[in-house]
Protein backbone atom coordinates (compact mmCIF):
# COMPACT_ATOMS: atom_id res chain seq x y z
CA MET A 1 27.77 71.70 -15.52
CA HIS A 2 24.80 70.31 -17.39
CA LEU A 3 23.55 71.02 -20.88
CA ASN A 4 20.55 72.99 -19.61
CA ASN A 5 22.61 75.21 -17.31
CA ILE A 6 25.08 76.73 -19.80
CA SER A 7 24.32 78.78 -22.86
CA HIS A 8 26.91 78.04 -25.52
CA MET A 9 27.24 81.76 -26.34
CA ASP A 10 27.49 83.12 -22.77
CA TYR A 11 30.73 83.42 -20.82
CA LEU A 12 31.10 81.79 -17.42
CA PRO A 13 32.24 83.96 -14.49
CA ASP A 14 35.87 82.78 -14.62
CA MET A 15 36.23 83.46 -18.36
CA GLU A 16 38.01 86.63 -19.46
CA ILE A 17 36.24 88.80 -22.04
CA ILE A 18 38.46 90.77 -24.43
CA GLN A 19 37.53 93.57 -26.78
CA SER A 20 37.45 92.17 -30.30
CA ASP A 21 35.08 92.06 -33.24
CA ILE A 22 36.75 89.20 -35.13
CA MET A 23 34.13 86.60 -34.16
CA GLU A 24 31.27 88.71 -35.49
CA LYS A 25 33.08 89.30 -38.78
CA VAL A 26 33.94 85.62 -39.24
CA LEU A 27 30.44 84.39 -38.41
CA ASP A 28 28.79 86.96 -40.66
CA TYR A 29 30.98 85.97 -43.61
CA MET A 30 30.46 82.26 -42.93
CA GLU A 31 26.68 82.66 -42.73
CA ALA A 32 26.67 84.37 -46.13
CA TYR A 33 29.09 81.91 -47.74
CA ASP A 34 27.44 79.74 -50.39
CA ALA A 35 30.01 77.35 -51.81
CA ASP A 36 27.69 76.28 -54.62
CA SER A 37 27.33 79.82 -55.97
CA TYR A 38 30.83 79.95 -57.48
CA THR A 39 31.62 79.18 -61.12
CA ALA A 40 34.65 77.94 -63.02
CA GLN A 41 35.26 81.54 -64.07
CA ASP A 42 35.46 82.60 -60.42
CA VAL A 43 38.08 79.91 -59.78
CA GLN A 44 40.09 80.83 -62.87
CA ARG A 45 40.04 84.48 -61.87
CA ALA A 46 41.31 83.64 -58.38
CA LEU A 47 44.14 81.52 -59.74
CA GLN A 48 45.38 84.42 -61.85
CA LYS A 49 45.82 86.71 -58.84
CA GLU A 50 48.93 87.17 -56.72
CA TRP A 51 46.91 87.99 -53.58
CA LEU A 52 43.46 86.57 -52.96
CA THR A 53 40.43 88.43 -51.71
CA ILE A 54 38.00 86.74 -49.34
CA GLU A 55 35.73 86.07 -52.32
CA ASP A 56 38.63 84.44 -54.19
CA TYR A 57 39.30 82.26 -51.18
CA GLY A 58 35.66 81.20 -51.11
CA ALA A 59 35.89 80.25 -54.79
CA LEU A 60 38.91 78.01 -54.20
CA LEU A 61 37.02 76.16 -51.46
CA SER A 62 33.96 75.63 -53.64
CA PRO A 63 32.99 72.50 -55.60
CA ALA A 64 33.72 74.51 -58.77
CA ALA A 65 37.42 74.40 -57.86
CA LEU A 66 37.70 70.60 -57.82
CA PRO A 67 38.59 70.36 -61.57
CA TYR A 68 41.37 72.89 -60.91
CA LEU A 69 43.20 71.07 -58.14
CA GLU A 70 46.25 70.49 -60.32
CA GLN A 71 46.56 74.20 -61.07
CA MET A 72 45.98 75.00 -57.41
CA ALA A 73 48.67 72.50 -56.42
CA GLN A 74 51.19 73.96 -58.84
CA LYS A 75 50.58 77.48 -57.63
CA ALA A 76 50.61 76.38 -53.98
CA LYS A 77 53.96 74.68 -54.49
CA GLN A 78 55.37 77.89 -55.95
CA GLU A 79 54.05 79.93 -53.03
CA THR A 80 55.40 77.44 -50.49
CA ALA A 81 58.84 77.49 -52.12
CA LYS A 82 58.79 81.29 -52.27
CA HIS A 83 58.13 81.71 -48.56
CA PHE A 84 59.53 78.52 -46.99
CA GLY A 85 62.08 77.23 -49.49
CA THR A 86 62.50 73.46 -49.22
CA SER A 87 62.35 73.40 -45.42
CA VAL A 88 59.85 71.22 -43.54
CA CYS A 89 59.75 71.38 -39.74
CA LEU A 90 59.52 68.21 -37.65
CA PHE A 91 57.94 67.85 -34.23
CA THR A 92 56.09 65.35 -32.09
CA PRO A 93 53.25 65.63 -29.56
CA LEU A 94 53.50 64.42 -25.98
CA TYR A 95 50.23 63.73 -24.18
CA ILE A 96 50.85 64.25 -20.47
CA ALA A 97 47.23 63.70 -19.32
CA ASN A 98 43.89 62.63 -20.78
CA TYR A 99 41.44 63.64 -18.04
CA CYS A 100 38.66 65.78 -19.46
CA GLU A 101 35.68 67.66 -18.03
CA ASN A 102 33.90 68.24 -21.35
CA HIS A 103 31.20 66.13 -22.98
CA CYS A 104 32.08 66.40 -26.67
CA VAL A 105 30.26 63.70 -28.60
CA TYR A 106 33.03 63.22 -31.23
CA CYS A 107 36.07 62.91 -28.94
CA GLY A 108 37.68 59.84 -27.40
CA PHE A 109 38.63 61.84 -24.29
CA ASN A 110 35.09 63.02 -23.50
CA CYS A 111 34.24 62.79 -19.82
CA HIS A 112 31.57 60.10 -20.29
CA ASN A 113 33.79 57.70 -22.23
CA HIS A 114 35.01 54.73 -20.23
CA ILE A 115 38.71 54.88 -21.07
CA HIS A 116 41.89 54.42 -19.10
CA ARG A 117 42.64 57.88 -17.70
CA ALA A 118 46.16 58.84 -16.70
CA LYS A 119 48.33 61.80 -15.80
CA LEU A 120 52.11 61.68 -15.92
CA THR A 121 54.19 62.70 -12.93
CA MET A 122 57.03 65.16 -13.46
CA ASP A 123 59.52 62.28 -13.33
CA GLU A 124 57.54 60.42 -15.99
CA ILE A 125 57.28 63.56 -18.13
CA GLU A 126 61.04 64.02 -17.95
CA GLN A 127 61.63 60.41 -18.98
CA GLU A 128 59.34 60.91 -21.98
CA LEU A 129 61.08 64.16 -22.89
CA GLN A 130 64.48 62.51 -22.72
CA ALA A 131 63.34 59.68 -24.98
CA ILE A 132 61.91 62.11 -27.54
CA ALA A 133 64.95 64.39 -27.41
CA ALA A 134 67.16 61.37 -28.16
CA THR A 135 65.52 61.15 -31.61
CA GLY A 136 67.00 64.53 -32.49
CA LEU A 137 63.75 66.50 -32.38
CA GLN A 138 63.97 70.01 -30.97
CA GLU A 139 60.28 70.92 -31.04
CA ILE A 140 57.65 69.41 -28.77
CA LEU A 141 53.90 69.90 -28.42
CA LEU A 142 52.53 69.22 -24.92
CA LEU A 143 48.89 68.12 -24.77
CA THR A 144 46.37 67.44 -22.04
CA GLY A 145 42.71 66.66 -21.86
CA GLU A 146 40.61 69.70 -21.00
CA SER A 147 40.46 69.42 -17.23
CA ARG A 148 41.59 72.25 -14.99
CA THR A 149 41.09 69.98 -12.00
CA ALA A 150 43.38 67.15 -13.16
CA SER A 151 45.77 69.28 -15.24
CA SER A 152 46.05 72.63 -13.53
CA VAL A 153 47.82 75.59 -15.10
CA GLU A 154 50.56 75.12 -12.51
CA TYR A 155 51.00 71.45 -13.46
CA ILE A 156 51.22 72.39 -17.13
CA GLY A 157 53.67 75.17 -16.26
CA GLU A 158 56.01 72.73 -14.51
CA ALA A 159 55.81 70.40 -17.52
CA VAL A 160 56.64 73.32 -19.83
CA LYS A 161 59.67 74.22 -17.70
CA LEU A 162 60.92 70.66 -18.03
CA ALA A 163 60.28 70.62 -21.77
CA ALA A 164 62.17 73.89 -22.22
CA ARG A 165 65.27 72.19 -20.83
CA TYR A 166 65.25 69.62 -23.64
CA PHE A 167 63.63 71.45 -26.58
CA ARG A 168 64.13 74.81 -28.29
CA ASN A 169 60.43 75.15 -29.19
CA VAL A 170 57.63 74.22 -26.79
CA GLY A 171 54.03 74.38 -27.94
CA ILE A 172 50.91 73.63 -25.93
CA GLU A 173 47.52 72.22 -26.91
CA ILE A 174 45.41 72.43 -23.77
CA TYR A 175 42.11 73.99 -22.64
CA PRO A 176 41.71 77.73 -23.39
CA LEU A 177 43.11 80.11 -20.78
CA ASN A 178 42.85 83.72 -19.71
CA THR A 179 45.54 86.16 -20.85
CA GLU A 180 47.56 86.16 -17.63
CA GLU A 181 47.57 82.37 -17.54
CA TYR A 182 48.99 82.32 -21.07
CA ARG A 183 51.55 84.89 -19.93
CA TYR A 184 52.58 82.59 -17.06
CA LEU A 185 53.05 79.61 -19.41
CA ASN A 186 54.99 81.80 -21.83
CA GLN A 187 57.30 82.76 -18.97
CA CYS A 188 57.67 79.05 -18.15
CA GLY A 189 58.94 78.45 -21.70
CA ALA A 190 55.93 77.89 -23.98
CA ASP A 191 55.82 80.00 -27.11
CA PHE A 192 53.11 78.51 -29.34
CA VAL A 193 49.44 77.73 -28.68
CA SER A 194 47.15 75.46 -30.70
CA VAL A 195 43.40 75.77 -30.21
CA TYR A 196 40.89 74.33 -32.66
CA GLN A 197 37.33 75.60 -32.83
CA GLU A 198 36.16 72.17 -34.09
CA THR A 199 33.20 73.74 -35.95
CA TYR A 200 32.32 77.40 -36.54
CA ASN A 201 28.63 76.60 -36.96
CA THR A 202 27.33 77.80 -33.60
CA ASP A 203 24.20 75.63 -33.77
CA LYS A 204 26.23 72.51 -34.50
CA TYR A 205 28.75 73.55 -31.85
CA GLU A 206 25.97 73.60 -29.27
CA GLN A 207 24.76 70.16 -30.36
CA VAL A 208 28.14 68.42 -30.06
CA HIS A 209 29.46 70.16 -26.91
CA LEU A 210 26.95 69.07 -24.34
CA SER A 211 28.65 70.21 -21.14
CA GLY A 212 31.86 71.60 -19.72
CA HIS A 213 33.78 74.83 -20.31
CA LYS A 214 34.33 73.89 -23.96
CA ARG A 215 30.61 74.40 -24.52
CA VAL A 216 31.18 78.18 -24.47
CA PHE A 217 31.82 79.08 -28.12
CA PRO A 218 33.11 82.69 -27.87
CA TYR A 219 35.61 81.96 -25.10
CA ARG A 220 37.19 79.25 -27.22
CA PHE A 221 37.06 81.43 -30.33
CA TYR A 222 39.12 84.17 -28.72
CA ALA A 223 41.75 81.86 -27.19
CA GLN A 224 44.32 82.70 -29.88
CA GLU A 225 43.96 86.43 -29.24
CA ARG A 226 44.36 86.00 -25.50
CA ALA A 227 47.45 83.84 -26.11
CA LEU A 228 49.03 86.51 -28.30
CA GLN A 229 48.15 89.21 -25.78
CA GLY A 230 49.81 87.00 -23.18
CA GLY A 231 53.10 87.07 -25.07
CA MET A 232 52.95 83.89 -27.13
CA ARG A 233 54.90 83.98 -30.39
CA GLY A 234 52.43 82.03 -32.48
CA VAL A 235 49.01 80.41 -32.63
CA ALA A 236 47.40 77.66 -34.68
CA PHE A 237 43.87 77.50 -36.09
CA GLY A 238 41.74 74.70 -37.45
CA ALA A 239 38.37 73.03 -37.73
CA LEU A 240 37.69 69.32 -37.30
CA LEU A 241 36.77 68.59 -40.90
CA GLY A 242 33.74 66.34 -41.16
CA LEU A 243 32.09 67.49 -37.96
CA ASP A 244 29.88 69.84 -39.98
CA ASN A 245 29.96 71.34 -43.50
CA PHE A 246 33.69 71.21 -44.12
CA ARG A 247 33.69 73.97 -46.74
CA LYS A 248 32.03 76.46 -44.43
CA ASP A 249 34.24 75.41 -41.51
CA ALA A 250 37.43 75.71 -43.57
CA PHE A 251 36.24 79.09 -44.90
CA ALA A 252 35.67 80.32 -41.34
CA ALA A 253 38.98 78.95 -40.04
CA GLY A 254 40.81 80.77 -42.82
CA LEU A 255 39.06 84.04 -42.00
CA HIS A 256 39.72 83.55 -38.28
CA ALA A 257 43.43 83.28 -39.03
CA TYR A 258 43.32 86.10 -41.60
CA TYR A 259 41.77 88.66 -39.26
CA THR A 260 44.01 87.60 -36.39
CA GLN A 261 47.08 88.06 -38.60
CA GLN A 262 45.87 91.53 -39.58
CA LYS A 263 45.38 92.52 -35.95
CA TYR A 264 48.64 90.93 -34.74
CA PRO A 265 51.06 91.22 -37.69
CA GLN A 266 53.97 89.99 -35.59
CA ALA A 267 52.25 86.66 -34.85
CA ASP A 268 53.34 83.35 -36.34
CA ILE A 269 50.08 81.98 -37.79
CA SER A 270 49.52 78.36 -38.78
CA PHE A 271 46.80 75.87 -39.66
CA SER A 272 46.15 72.29 -38.73
CA CYS A 273 43.79 70.24 -40.89
CA PRO A 274 42.43 67.34 -38.82
CA ARG A 275 39.71 65.08 -40.20
CA MET A 276 37.40 62.95 -38.11
CA ARG A 277 39.09 59.73 -37.03
CA PRO A 278 37.80 56.59 -35.27
CA TYR A 279 38.25 56.60 -31.50
CA ILE A 280 37.53 54.37 -28.53
CA ASN A 281 33.78 53.59 -28.20
CA ASN A 282 33.06 54.91 -31.70
CA ALA A 283 34.89 53.36 -34.63
CA GLU A 284 32.73 54.84 -37.38
CA ASN A 285 31.95 58.39 -36.29
CA ASN A 286 32.13 60.24 -39.59
CA PRO A 287 28.71 61.33 -40.85
CA ASN A 288 30.12 64.15 -42.98
CA ASP A 289 32.91 62.21 -44.61
CA VAL A 290 35.74 64.35 -45.98
CA HIS A 291 37.87 62.50 -48.50
CA GLU A 292 41.53 63.09 -49.27
CA THR A 293 40.73 65.08 -52.40
CA GLN A 294 38.60 67.47 -50.37
CA LEU A 295 41.23 67.67 -47.62
CA LEU A 296 43.82 68.54 -50.25
CA GLN A 297 41.55 71.26 -51.61
CA VAL A 298 41.27 72.81 -48.14
CA MET A 299 45.04 72.75 -47.61
CA LEU A 300 45.74 74.28 -51.02
CA ALA A 301 43.17 77.02 -50.40
CA TYR A 302 44.78 77.81 -47.02
CA ARG A 303 48.17 78.12 -48.71
CA LEU A 304 46.97 80.38 -51.52
CA PHE A 305 44.90 82.61 -49.21
CA LEU A 306 47.60 83.04 -46.53
CA PRO A 307 50.95 82.31 -48.24
CA PHE A 308 52.99 83.06 -45.10
CA ALA A 309 51.04 80.72 -42.81
CA GLY A 310 52.42 77.41 -41.68
CA ILE A 311 50.38 74.29 -42.40
CA THR A 312 50.76 71.13 -40.32
CA ILE A 313 49.92 67.66 -41.61
CA SER A 314 49.21 65.20 -38.83
CA THR A 315 49.45 61.44 -38.44
CA ARG A 316 45.66 61.24 -38.76
CA GLU A 317 46.49 60.97 -42.48
CA ARG A 318 48.12 58.05 -44.25
CA ALA A 319 51.83 58.18 -45.07
CA GLY A 320 51.37 58.51 -48.84
CA PHE A 321 49.14 61.56 -48.50
CA ARG A 322 51.47 63.21 -46.01
CA ASP A 323 54.45 62.59 -48.28
CA ASN A 324 52.69 64.26 -51.20
CA VAL A 325 51.57 67.44 -49.42
CA VAL A 326 54.87 68.34 -47.74
CA GLY A 327 56.64 70.87 -49.88
CA MET A 328 53.46 71.42 -51.88
CA CYS A 329 51.48 73.15 -49.13
CA ALA A 330 52.38 71.62 -45.75
CA THR A 331 55.38 73.07 -43.94
CA LYS A 332 55.34 71.03 -40.73
CA ILE A 333 55.01 67.29 -40.19
CA SER A 334 54.78 65.19 -37.03
CA ALA A 335 56.86 62.05 -36.57
CA GLY A 336 57.29 59.33 -33.97
CA VAL A 337 53.75 60.05 -32.78
CA ARG A 338 51.83 58.53 -29.88
CA THR A 339 48.36 59.82 -29.01
CA SER A 340 48.31 57.91 -25.73
CA VAL A 341 49.43 59.36 -22.42
CA GLY A 342 53.13 58.52 -22.41
CA GLY A 343 54.36 55.66 -24.56
CA HIS A 344 57.62 57.12 -25.85
CA GLU A 345 59.87 55.80 -23.09
CA GLU A 346 57.77 53.07 -21.46
CA GLU A 347 54.34 51.51 -21.98
CA GLN A 348 51.50 53.97 -22.41
CA LYS A 349 49.83 55.12 -19.20
CA GLY A 350 46.45 56.14 -20.64
CA ASP A 351 44.32 55.48 -23.72
CA GLU A 352 44.71 57.25 -27.07
CA GLN A 353 42.62 60.23 -28.15
CA PHE A 354 42.23 58.85 -31.70
CA GLU A 355 43.77 56.36 -34.09
CA ILE A 356 46.74 57.44 -36.17
CA SER A 357 47.46 56.36 -39.75
CA ASP A 358 51.21 57.02 -39.98
CA SER A 359 53.38 55.47 -37.28
CA ARG A 360 56.76 56.20 -38.87
CA SER A 361 59.69 57.19 -36.69
CA VAL A 362 61.53 60.50 -36.82
CA GLU A 363 64.35 58.81 -38.73
CA GLU A 364 61.93 57.42 -41.33
CA VAL A 365 60.16 60.74 -41.87
CA ASP A 366 63.52 62.52 -42.09
CA ALA A 367 64.63 60.07 -44.79
CA MET A 368 61.39 60.54 -46.71
CA LEU A 369 61.83 64.31 -46.78
CA ARG A 370 65.42 64.06 -47.99
CA GLN A 371 64.44 61.62 -50.72
CA ARG A 372 61.91 64.16 -51.96
CA GLY A 373 64.52 66.90 -52.13
CA LEU A 374 63.24 68.64 -49.01
CA GLN A 375 65.22 69.83 -45.99
CA PRO A 376 64.14 68.49 -42.59
CA VAL A 377 64.29 71.36 -40.09
CA TYR A 378 64.50 70.56 -36.41
CA ILE A 379 64.43 74.15 -35.17
CA ASP A 380 62.98 77.23 -36.84
CA HIS A 381 62.87 79.59 -33.87
CA VAL A 382 65.10 80.17 -30.85
CA ARG A 383 63.88 81.92 -27.71
CA VAL A 384 66.22 84.65 -26.49
């Protein structure tokens, strides 16, 4: 599948098309969004409201809101406490394969990168699961590279079945699927799906996704809806901040989640807030640098716009930053993380997707939360 043979806005024959207008609404709003048009008065007005409009949300993401981060943080902390108390959920990811069929210029797994590829056997997956379960964690996120050939739906399903024997919550972060495939994985034991659009700028999306199924923008956009229609309990949204204009991307990600929540009120909605990180073969790939202050602004705006949504803070960020945002706006934190294939029980089998900044163990993150007066939660949902 070469660049010239796939339009980034046209579905391929094996891709399911669902009836939804959310993408059009999100893209129209994003196209019209001008972050520089907001004033201090717009920000002040938004901070006085109990529920934000889309315009209020845009104001809180604007440069005009930067002098008001302290007020945003105070209000976000109140909203987080109101809806989540002092609880912070812990989990860890397990990469079971890193084969990929996409050419994404910003990713360490892209199919043209010369990295050590690997795929765990079921015995190896079980050993990894046992090692992770021994830390006390009860939530796991299974990840693969985006390759249907190397990591088939059936392979992922068997891994999910194994994970469900050791963990109460099993999430997946894999390539987008059709509805019935999500239904199959839900029946295997998965209940949460994370899919990140990377950037909502369709022109930029075309430029950085040169080949592979991921090149098709609308199919990826509607992955969360197909997952919910397939029976999944919850879905996560996010943009890779720094890949394009981070304010527009964060604005669009928030609207994507907002409209999905309106359409599926029963869904558990959450955000992840990854920034560009160095990876193998490219140690300095960050042309649109997003600093911690700007990342904090995005997270606070997410919290104030969608008070009920979960927000995950990953090990891409340094420990001090992660410690400060839990309880303020973040409600879930990873611990004991490896971004290589395997590496929890034995030596890693395949190379990492990106570098992490916080390598603390589950025990260390647990202790940090308790020291800050927060309650580490190892399970927040039980399948029945």
